[in-house]
Amino acid sequence: MLGETWQGKRWLKEIDPALASQMVRIGNQDFYVFEPAKLVDGSVVMPVRWFMRNSGSVSQPQQTFWADVWRLQPVTTDEGHRGYVVHEYDISSVSVHSFLLSMPQLVQTFASDSLPDPCQIIGASR
């Protein structure tokens, strides 16, 4: 139980993501931190932290999972290799309802979606 509201914010931003919730199950898929995932809008992101957020009304509050995610940019190197650059500075929060494909399903479908292999992380920008 939190004694002060500021404690929740500290837990959200300061705890190492590897020590916090590492996985969320959505339907029959498991989404892990630091594994690429595809969103319903077609973009590919990397969840770095899962957290609960209140939604619903005051009389009927609901908590749903959200993720802080890094944007992944598809790139082709000068040598012709396709992969992703992880933009660690580009953090946004995304509801679990926006997640479409976890890493195993993304690996199975990336070619048919004309996306780079999600296992090919070429670099990161901070």
C-alpha atoms as a PDB file:
ATOM      1  CA  MET A   1       0.000   0.000   0.000  1.00  0.00           C
ATOM      2  CA  LEU A   2       1.285   3.456  -0.843  1.00  0.00           C
ATOM      3  CA  GLY A   3       1.498   5.929   2.002  1.00  0.00           C
ATOM      4  CA  GLU A   4       2.006   8.937  -0.276  1.00  0.00           C
ATOM      5  CA  THR A   5       1.065   9.566  -3.912  1.00  0.00           C
ATOM      6  CA  TRP A   6       4.630  10.544  -4.817  1.00  0.00           C
ATOM      7  CA  GLN A   7       5.710   6.966  -4.033  1.00  0.00           C
ATOM      8  CA  GLY A   8       3.699   5.626  -6.955  1.00  0.00           C
ATOM      9  CA  LYS A   9       5.375   8.016  -9.374  1.00  0.00           C
ATOM     10  CA  ARG A  10       8.812   7.038  -8.066  1.00  0.00           C
ATOM     11  CA  TRP A  11       8.001   3.341  -8.497  1.00  0.00           C
ATOM     12  CA  LEU A  12       6.784   3.978 -12.026  1.00  0.00           C
ATOM     13  CA  LYS A  13       9.827   5.926 -13.177  1.00  0.00           C
ATOM     14  CA  GLU A  14      12.720   4.816 -10.976  1.00  0.00           C
ATOM     15  CA  ILE A  15      12.457   1.043 -10.545  1.00  0.00           C
ATOM     16  CA  ASP A  16      14.599  -0.898 -13.011  1.00  0.00           C
ATOM     17  CA  PRO A  17      12.170  -2.333 -15.630  1.00  0.00           C
ATOM     18  CA  ALA A  18      13.923  -5.698 -15.294  1.00  0.00           C
ATOM     19  CA  LEU A  19      12.739  -5.796 -11.652  1.00  0.00           C
ATOM     20  CA  ALA A  20       9.182  -4.610 -12.331  1.00  0.00           C
ATOM     21  CA  SER A  21       6.471  -6.513 -14.243  1.00  0.00           C
ATOM     22  CA  GLN A  22       8.268  -8.132 -17.147  1.00  0.00           C
ATOM     23  CA  MET A  23       5.328  -9.628 -19.003  1.00  0.00           C
ATOM     24  CA  VAL A  24       1.652  -9.063 -19.658  1.00  0.00           C
ATOM     25  CA  ARG A  25      -0.651 -11.666 -21.194  1.00  0.00           C
ATOM     26  CA  ILE A  26      -3.101 -10.240 -23.711  1.00  0.00           C
ATOM     27  CA  GLY A  27      -5.491 -12.890 -24.995  1.00  0.00           C
ATOM     28  CA  ASN A  28      -3.263 -15.876 -25.717  1.00  0.00           C
ATOM     29  CA  GLN A  29      -0.074 -13.852 -26.314  1.00  0.00           C
ATOM     30  CA  ASP A  30       2.675 -12.950 -23.860  1.00  0.00           C
ATOM     31  CA  PHE A  31       4.239  -9.509 -24.340  1.00  0.00           C
ATOM     32  CA  TYR A  32       7.622  -9.007 -22.637  1.00  0.00           C
ATOM     33  CA  VAL A  33       9.644  -5.890 -21.898  1.00  0.00           C
ATOM     34  CA  PHE A  34      12.556  -5.392 -24.293  1.00  0.00           C
ATOM     35  CA  GLU A  35      10.950  -7.537 -27.032  1.00  0.00           C
ATOM     36  CA  PRO A  36       9.551  -5.896 -30.183  1.00  0.00           C
ATOM     37  CA  ALA A  37       5.765  -5.955 -30.585  1.00  0.00           C
ATOM     38  CA  LYS A  38       3.408  -4.783 -33.313  1.00  0.00           C
ATOM     39  CA  LEU A  39       0.564  -2.383 -32.548  1.00  0.00           C
ATOM     40  CA  VAL A  40      -2.847  -2.317 -34.247  1.00  0.00           C
ATOM     41  CA  ASP A  41      -1.772   0.830 -36.141  1.00  0.00           C
ATOM     42  CA  GLY A  42       1.023  -1.205 -37.801  1.00  0.00           C
ATOM     43  CA  SER A  43       3.917   0.375 -35.916  1.00  0.00           C
ATOM     44  CA  VAL A  44       6.542  -1.705 -34.148  1.00  0.00           C
ATOM     45  CA  VAL A  45       7.523  -0.742 -30.608  1.00  0.00           C
ATOM     46  CA  MET A  46       9.515  -2.135 -27.711  1.00  0.00           C
ATOM     47  CA  PRO A  47       7.736  -2.185 -24.346  1.00  0.00           C
ATOM     48  CA  VAL A  48      10.079  -1.114 -21.551  1.00  0.00           C
ATOM     49  CA  ARG A  49       7.696  -0.957 -18.594  1.00  0.00           C
ATOM     50  CA  TRP A  50       4.212  -2.261 -17.786  1.00  0.00           C
ATOM     51  CA  PHE A  51       1.980  -0.376 -15.350  1.00  0.00           C
ATOM     52  CA  MET A  52      -1.652  -0.029 -14.304  1.00  0.00           C
ATOM     53  CA  ARG A  53      -3.674   3.085 -15.040  1.00  0.00           C
ATOM     54  CA  ASN A  54      -7.112   3.985 -13.736  1.00  0.00           C
ATOM     55  CA  SER A  55      -9.846   4.334 -16.330  1.00  0.00           C
ATOM     56  CA  GLY A  56     -13.601   4.232 -16.340  1.00  0.00           C
ATOM     57  CA  SER A  57     -15.776   6.512 -14.254  1.00  0.00           C
ATOM     58  CA  VAL A  58     -15.516   7.714 -10.680  1.00  0.00           C
ATOM     59  CA  SER A  59     -18.409   5.456  -9.680  1.00  0.00           C
ATOM     60  CA  GLN A  60     -17.012   2.439 -11.565  1.00  0.00           C
ATOM     61  CA  PRO A  61     -13.226   2.750 -11.695  1.00  0.00           C
ATOM     62  CA  GLN A  62     -11.304   0.222 -13.751  1.00  0.00           C
ATOM     63  CA  GLN A  63      -7.616  -0.461 -13.936  1.00  0.00           C
ATOM     64  CA  THR A  64      -6.016  -1.460 -17.222  1.00  0.00           C
ATOM     65  CA  PHE A  65      -2.463  -2.281 -18.180  1.00  0.00           C
ATOM     66  CA  TRP A  66      -0.415   0.220 -20.141  1.00  0.00           C
ATOM     67  CA  ALA A  67       3.154   0.141 -21.383  1.00  0.00           C
ATOM     68  CA  ASP A  68       5.836   2.737 -21.813  1.00  0.00           C
ATOM     69  CA  VAL A  69       7.298   1.917 -25.216  1.00  0.00           C
ATOM     70  CA  TRP A  70      10.228   2.943 -27.381  1.00  0.00           C
ATOM     71  CA  ARG A  71       9.550   3.533 -31.071  1.00  0.00           C
ATOM     72  CA  LEU A  72      11.345   1.213 -33.505  1.00  0.00           C
ATOM     73  CA  GLN A  73      12.210   2.651 -36.906  1.00  0.00           C
ATOM     74  CA  PRO A  74      12.639   0.238 -39.826  1.00  0.00           C
ATOM     75  CA  VAL A  75      15.925   0.909 -41.643  1.00  0.00           C
ATOM     76  CA  THR A  76      18.076  -0.523 -44.408  1.00  0.00           C
ATOM     77  CA  THR A  77      21.841  -0.256 -44.005  1.00  0.00           C
ATOM     78  CA  ASP A  78      24.232   0.712 -46.805  1.00  0.00           C
ATOM     79  CA  GLU A  79      25.054  -3.003 -47.086  1.00  0.00           C
ATOM     80  CA  GLY A  80      21.373  -3.804 -47.663  1.00  0.00           C
ATOM     81  CA  HIS A  81      20.583  -5.316 -44.255  1.00  0.00           C
ATOM     82  CA  ARG A  82      17.106  -4.573 -42.942  1.00  0.00           C
ATOM     83  CA  GLY A  83      16.353  -4.125 -39.266  1.00  0.00           C
ATOM     84  CA  TYR A  84      15.318  -1.604 -36.663  1.00  0.00           C
ATOM     85  CA  VAL A  85      16.813   1.343 -34.852  1.00  0.00           C
ATOM     86  CA  VAL A  86      15.453   1.713 -31.325  1.00  0.00           C
ATOM     87  CA  HIS A  87      14.638   5.318 -30.440  1.00  0.00           C
ATOM     88  CA  GLU A  88      15.069   5.261 -26.663  1.00  0.00           C
ATOM     89  CA  TYR A  89      14.342   8.992 -26.427  1.00  0.00           C
ATOM     90  CA  ASP A  90      10.943   8.535 -28.111  1.00  0.00           C
ATOM     91  CA  ILE A  91       8.877   7.148 -25.226  1.00  0.00           C
ATOM     92  CA  SER A  92       5.115   7.003 -25.292  1.00  0.00           C
ATOM     93  CA  SER A  93       2.462   5.214 -23.227  1.00  0.00           C
ATOM     94  CA  VAL A  94       0.246   2.687 -24.978  1.00  0.00           C
ATOM     95  CA  SER A  95      -2.805   0.795 -23.711  1.00  0.00           C
ATOM     96  CA  VAL A  96      -2.739  -3.005 -23.891  1.00  0.00           C
ATOM     97  CA  HIS A  97      -5.720  -2.693 -26.240  1.00  0.00           C
ATOM     98  CA  SER A  98      -3.327  -1.285 -28.860  1.00  0.00           C
ATOM     99  CA  PHE A  99      -1.077  -4.370 -28.933  1.00  0.00           C
ATOM    100  CA  LEU A 100      -1.602  -6.771 -31.837  1.00  0.00           C
ATOM    101  CA  LEU A 101       1.358  -9.156 -32.149  1.00  0.00           C
ATOM    102  CA  SER A 102       3.908 -10.333 -29.600  1.00  0.00           C
ATOM    103  CA  MET A 103       7.462 -11.199 -30.615  1.00  0.00           C
ATOM    104  CA  PRO A 104       6.806 -14.865 -31.612  1.00  0.00           C
ATOM    105  CA  GLN A 105       3.846 -13.892 -33.819  1.00  0.00           C
ATOM    106  CA  LEU A 106       5.758 -10.926 -35.252  1.00  0.00           C
ATOM    107  CA  VAL A 107       8.633 -13.257 -36.190  1.00  0.00           C
ATOM    108  CA  GLN A 108       6.147 -15.466 -38.052  1.00  0.00           C
ATOM    109  CA  THR A 109       4.455 -12.627 -39.970  1.00  0.00           C
ATOM    110  CA  PHE A 110       7.054  -9.877 -40.583  1.00  0.00           C
ATOM    111  CA  ALA A 111       7.896 -11.020 -44.145  1.00  0.00           C
ATOM    112  CA  SER A 112       4.245 -11.088 -45.257  1.00  0.00           C
ATOM    113  CA  ASP A 113       3.804  -7.589 -43.773  1.00  0.00           C
ATOM    114  CA  SER A 114       6.929  -6.309 -45.617  1.00  0.00           C
ATOM    115  CA  LEU A 115       8.595  -5.465 -42.300  1.00  0.00           C
ATOM    116  CA  PRO A 116      12.197  -6.090 -41.274  1.00  0.00           C
ATOM    117  CA  ASP A 117      12.968  -9.110 -39.114  1.00  0.00           C
ATOM    118  CA  PRO A 118      12.240  -8.017 -35.502  1.00  0.00           C
ATOM    119  CA  CYS A 119      15.302 -10.002 -34.361  1.00  0.00           C
ATOM    120  CA  GLN A 120      17.522  -7.555 -36.279  1.00  0.00           C
ATOM    121  CA  ILE A 121      18.123  -4.591 -33.991  1.00  0.00           C
ATOM    122  CA  ILE A 122      20.737  -2.540 -35.839  1.00  0.00           C
ATOM    123  CA  GLY A 123      21.251   0.194 -33.279  1.00  0.00           C
ATOM    124  CA  ALA A 124      19.781   2.633 -30.816  1.00  0.00           C
ATOM    125  CA  SER A 125      19.511   6.392 -30.601  1.00  0.00           C
ATOM    126  CA  ARG A 126      19.328   7.983 -27.182  1.00  0.00           C
END
